[in-house]
C-alpha atoms as a PDB file:
ATOM      1  CA  GLN A   1     -14.136 -13.918  -1.753  1.00  0.00           C
ATOM      2  CA  VAL A   2     -12.025 -10.809  -2.094  1.00  0.00           C
ATOM      3  CA  GLN A   3      -8.384 -11.581  -2.698  1.00  0.00           C
ATOM      4  CA  LEU A   4      -5.574  -9.041  -2.630  1.00  0.00           C
ATOM      5  CA  ILE A   5      -2.142 -10.290  -3.623  1.00  0.00           C
ATOM      6  CA  GLU A   6       0.902  -8.198  -2.793  1.00  0.00           C
ATOM      7  CA  SER A   7       4.287  -8.515  -4.448  1.00  0.00           C
ATOM      8  CA  GLY A   8       7.503  -6.570  -4.883  1.00  0.00           C
ATOM      9  CA  GLY A   9       8.921  -6.555  -1.376  1.00  0.00           C
ATOM     10  CA  GLY A  10      12.345  -7.686  -0.324  1.00  0.00           C
ATOM     11  CA  LEU A  11      15.673  -6.707   1.158  1.00  0.00           C
ATOM     12  CA  VAL A  12      17.248  -3.487  -0.082  1.00  0.00           C
ATOM     13  CA  GLN A  13      19.896  -1.014   0.977  1.00  0.00           C
ATOM     14  CA  VAL A  14      19.444   2.518   2.211  1.00  0.00           C
ATOM     15  CA  GLY A  15      18.614   4.799  -0.703  1.00  0.00           C
ATOM     16  CA  ASP A  16      17.238   2.060  -2.935  1.00  0.00           C
ATOM     17  CA  SER A  17      13.765   1.991  -4.454  1.00  0.00           C
ATOM     18  CA  LEU A  18      11.000  -0.577  -4.560  1.00  0.00           C
ATOM     19  CA  ARG A  19       7.637  -0.765  -6.240  1.00  0.00           C
ATOM     20  CA  LEU A  20       5.019  -2.778  -4.420  1.00  0.00           C
ATOM     21  CA  SER A  21       2.122  -4.244  -6.372  1.00  0.00           C
ATOM     22  CA  CYS A  22      -1.317  -5.343  -5.245  1.00  0.00           C
ATOM     23  CA  ALA A  23      -3.403  -7.319  -7.695  1.00  0.00           C
ATOM     24  CA  ALA A  24      -7.153  -7.636  -7.199  1.00  0.00           C
ATOM     25  CA  ASP A  25     -10.025  -9.241  -9.014  1.00  0.00           C
ATOM     26  CA  LEU A  26     -12.034  -7.058 -11.376  1.00  0.00           C
ATOM     27  CA  ARG A  27     -15.039  -6.746  -9.089  1.00  0.00           C
ATOM     28  CA  THR A  28     -12.944  -5.609  -6.148  1.00  0.00           C
ATOM     29  CA  PHE A  29     -10.807  -3.271  -8.198  1.00  0.00           C
ATOM     30  CA  SER A  30     -13.790  -1.554  -9.779  1.00  0.00           C
ATOM     31  CA  SER A  31     -15.915  -1.206  -6.643  1.00  0.00           C
ATOM     32  CA  THR A  32     -13.496  -0.300  -3.857  1.00  0.00           C
ATOM     33  CA  ILE A  33     -10.980   2.245  -2.781  1.00  0.00           C
ATOM     34  CA  MET A  34      -7.626   0.526  -2.468  1.00  0.00           C
ATOM     35  CA  GLY A  35      -4.564   1.544  -0.550  1.00  0.00           C
ATOM     36  CA  TRP A  36      -1.515   0.699   1.489  1.00  0.00           C
ATOM     37  CA  PHE A  37      -0.689   0.378   5.177  1.00  0.00           C
ATOM     38  CA  ARG A  38       2.443  -0.737   6.970  1.00  0.00           C
ATOM     39  CA  GLN A  39       3.190  -2.199  10.375  1.00  0.00           C
ATOM     40  CA  THR A  40       6.235  -3.013  12.464  1.00  0.00           C
ATOM     41  CA  PRO A  41       6.289  -5.226  15.573  1.00  0.00           C
ATOM     42  CA  GLY A  42       4.852  -3.477  18.587  1.00  0.00           C
ATOM     43  CA  ARG A  43       3.403  -0.603  16.589  1.00  0.00           C
ATOM     44  CA  GLU A  44      -0.058   0.126  15.246  1.00  0.00           C
ATOM     45  CA  ARG A  45      -0.805  -0.352  11.589  1.00  0.00           C
ATOM     46  CA  GLU A  46      -0.073   2.893   9.766  1.00  0.00           C
ATOM     47  CA  PHE A  47      -1.980   4.326   6.811  1.00  0.00           C
ATOM     48  CA  LEU A  48       0.194   5.342   3.881  1.00  0.00           C
ATOM     49  CA  ALA A  49      -1.992   6.099   0.884  1.00  0.00           C
ATOM     50  CA  ASP A  50      -5.067   5.085  -1.069  1.00  0.00           C
ATOM     51  CA  ILE A  51      -6.561   5.776  -4.476  1.00  0.00           C
ATOM     52  CA  THR A  52     -10.109   6.127  -5.776  1.00  0.00           C
ATOM     53  CA  TRP A  53     -11.803   4.634  -8.810  1.00  0.00           C
ATOM     54  CA  ARG A  54     -10.998   7.785 -10.772  1.00  0.00           C
ATOM     55  CA  GLY A  55      -7.358   7.656  -9.770  1.00  0.00           C
ATOM     56  CA  THR A  56      -7.438  10.391  -7.158  1.00  0.00           C
ATOM     57  CA  PRO A  57      -4.763   9.669  -4.551  1.00  0.00           C
ATOM     58  CA  ARG A  58      -4.738  10.442  -0.863  1.00  0.00           C
ATOM     59  CA  TYR A  59      -1.593  10.318   1.235  1.00  0.00           C
ATOM     60  CA  SER A  60      -0.709  10.318   4.876  1.00  0.00           C
ATOM     61  CA  SER A  61       1.517  13.124   6.042  1.00  0.00           C
ATOM     62  CA  ASP A  62       4.504  10.804   5.874  1.00  0.00           C
ATOM     63  CA  ALA A  63       3.753   9.578   2.362  1.00  0.00           C
ATOM     64  CA  MET A  64       3.116  13.094   1.126  1.00  0.00           C
ATOM     65  CA  GLN A  65       6.724  14.037   1.779  1.00  0.00           C
ATOM     66  CA  GLY A  66       7.427  12.970  -1.793  1.00  0.00           C
ATOM     67  CA  ARG A  67       9.139   9.599  -1.475  1.00  0.00           C
ATOM     68  CA  PHE A  68       6.028   7.460  -1.956  1.00  0.00           C
ATOM     69  CA  THR A  69       3.644   7.492  -4.904  1.00  0.00           C
ATOM     70  CA  ILE A  70       0.460   5.464  -5.269  1.00  0.00           C
ATOM     71  CA  SER A  71      -0.921   4.647  -8.699  1.00  0.00           C
ATOM     72  CA  ARG A  72      -3.168   2.168 -10.447  1.00  0.00           C
ATOM     73  CA  ASP A  73      -3.321   0.224 -13.683  1.00  0.00           C
ATOM     74  CA  THR A  74      -6.892  -0.533 -14.638  1.00  0.00           C
ATOM     75  CA  ALA A  75      -5.838  -2.973 -17.349  1.00  0.00           C
ATOM     76  CA  LYS A  76      -4.159  -5.170 -14.734  1.00  0.00           C
ATOM     77  CA  ASN A  77      -6.536  -4.574 -11.801  1.00  0.00           C
ATOM     78  CA  THR A  78      -3.475  -3.546  -9.846  1.00  0.00           C
ATOM     79  CA  ILE A  79      -2.369  -0.713  -7.615  1.00  0.00           C
ATOM     80  CA  TYR A  80       1.232   0.192  -6.917  1.00  0.00           C
ATOM     81  CA  LEU A  81       3.262   1.919  -4.270  1.00  0.00           C
ATOM     82  CA  GLN A  82       6.481   3.366  -5.609  1.00  0.00           C
ATOM     83  CA  MET A  83       8.924   3.891  -2.754  1.00  0.00           C
ATOM     84  CA  ASN A  84      12.083   5.882  -3.364  1.00  0.00           C
ATOM     85  CA  ASN A  85      15.077   6.740  -1.217  1.00  0.00           C
ATOM     86  CA  LEU A  86      14.249   4.052   1.297  1.00  0.00           C
ATOM     87  CA  LYS A  87      15.382   4.418   4.883  1.00  0.00           C
ATOM     88  CA  PRO A  88      15.855   1.896   7.694  1.00  0.00           C
ATOM     89  CA  ASP A  89      12.678   3.080   9.407  1.00  0.00           C
ATOM     90  CA  ASP A  90      10.737   2.118   6.281  1.00  0.00           C
ATOM     91  CA  THR A  91      11.323  -1.491   7.306  1.00  0.00           C
ATOM     92  CA  ALA A  92       7.896  -2.997   7.907  1.00  0.00           C
ATOM     93  CA  VAL A  93       5.288  -5.399   6.667  1.00  0.00           C
ATOM     94  CA  TYR A  94       3.317  -3.598   3.982  1.00  0.00           C
ATOM     95  CA  TYR A  95      -0.364  -4.409   3.525  1.00  0.00           C
ATOM     96  CA  CYS A  96      -2.694  -3.808   0.638  1.00  0.00           C
ATOM     97  CA  ALA A  97      -6.242  -2.986   1.716  1.00  0.00           C
ATOM     98  CA  ALA A  98      -9.594  -2.192   0.137  1.00  0.00           C
ATOM     99  CA  THR A  99     -12.902  -0.771   1.271  1.00  0.00           C
ATOM    100  CA  ARG A 100     -16.266  -0.083  -0.292  1.00  0.00           C
ATOM    101  CA  ARG A 101     -16.732   2.901   1.998  1.00  0.00           C
ATOM    102  CA  ARG A 102     -13.745   4.805   3.262  1.00  0.00           C
ATOM    103  CA  LEU A 103     -14.857   6.437   6.473  1.00  0.00           C
ATOM    104  CA  ALA A 104     -11.399   7.306   7.745  1.00  0.00           C
ATOM    105  CA  SER A 105      -7.744   6.600   7.069  1.00  0.00           C
ATOM    106  CA  VAL A 106      -7.540   3.959   9.784  1.00  0.00           C
ATOM    107  CA  PRO A 107      -7.426   0.151   9.576  1.00  0.00           C
ATOM    108  CA  SER A 108     -10.953  -0.294  10.919  1.00  0.00           C
ATOM    109  CA  SER A 109     -12.330   1.515   7.863  1.00  0.00           C
ATOM    110  CA  TYR A 110     -10.931  -1.094   5.465  1.00  0.00           C
ATOM    111  CA  GLU A 111     -12.813  -4.329   4.901  1.00  0.00           C
ATOM    112  CA  TYR A 112     -10.360  -6.388   2.875  1.00  0.00           C
ATOM    113  CA  TRP A 113      -6.688  -7.085   3.421  1.00  0.00           C
ATOM    114  CA  GLY A 114      -3.812  -8.810   1.754  1.00  0.00           C
ATOM    115  CA  GLN A 115      -1.453 -11.061   3.667  1.00  0.00           C
ATOM    116  CA  GLY A 116       1.288  -8.462   3.870  1.00  0.00           C
ATOM    117  CA  ILE A 117       4.727  -8.333   2.325  1.00  0.00           C
ATOM    118  CA  GLN A 118       8.039  -7.687   4.048  1.00  0.00           C
ATOM    119  CA  VAL A 119      10.214  -4.728   3.148  1.00  0.00           C
ATOM    120  CA  THR A 120      13.585  -4.608   4.882  1.00  0.00           C
ATOM    121  CA  VAL A 121      15.989  -1.705   4.436  1.00  0.00           C
ATOM    122  CA  SER A 122      19.484  -2.415   5.639  1.00  0.00           C
ATOM    123  CA  SER A 123      21.488   0.232   7.441  1.00  0.00           C
END
């Protein structure tokens, strides 16, 4: 089965940076578009960014403000989300996701999901 393993979350202070990682198996990494969502209690899951097999990124309007950068390392079958200048409203559970066919930047378009990883930004 497809397995996506997130790491790199934790508790940080306002203004700090984190880099989230999502490791996949070779088959998944080479055959899907992979990306990141986040969700807070009582809110819908929010698309942040994804990246194609050729390394072409796509960002949500929020992520494209310059604080977040998605990248991939083909040698490690891993994608990353670099998050800089973190703010309290960045606090959320962050999810890695993958899809063979990206129809839209919404959760229903993504077939495979990691378990999620907590990011907490103290105020």
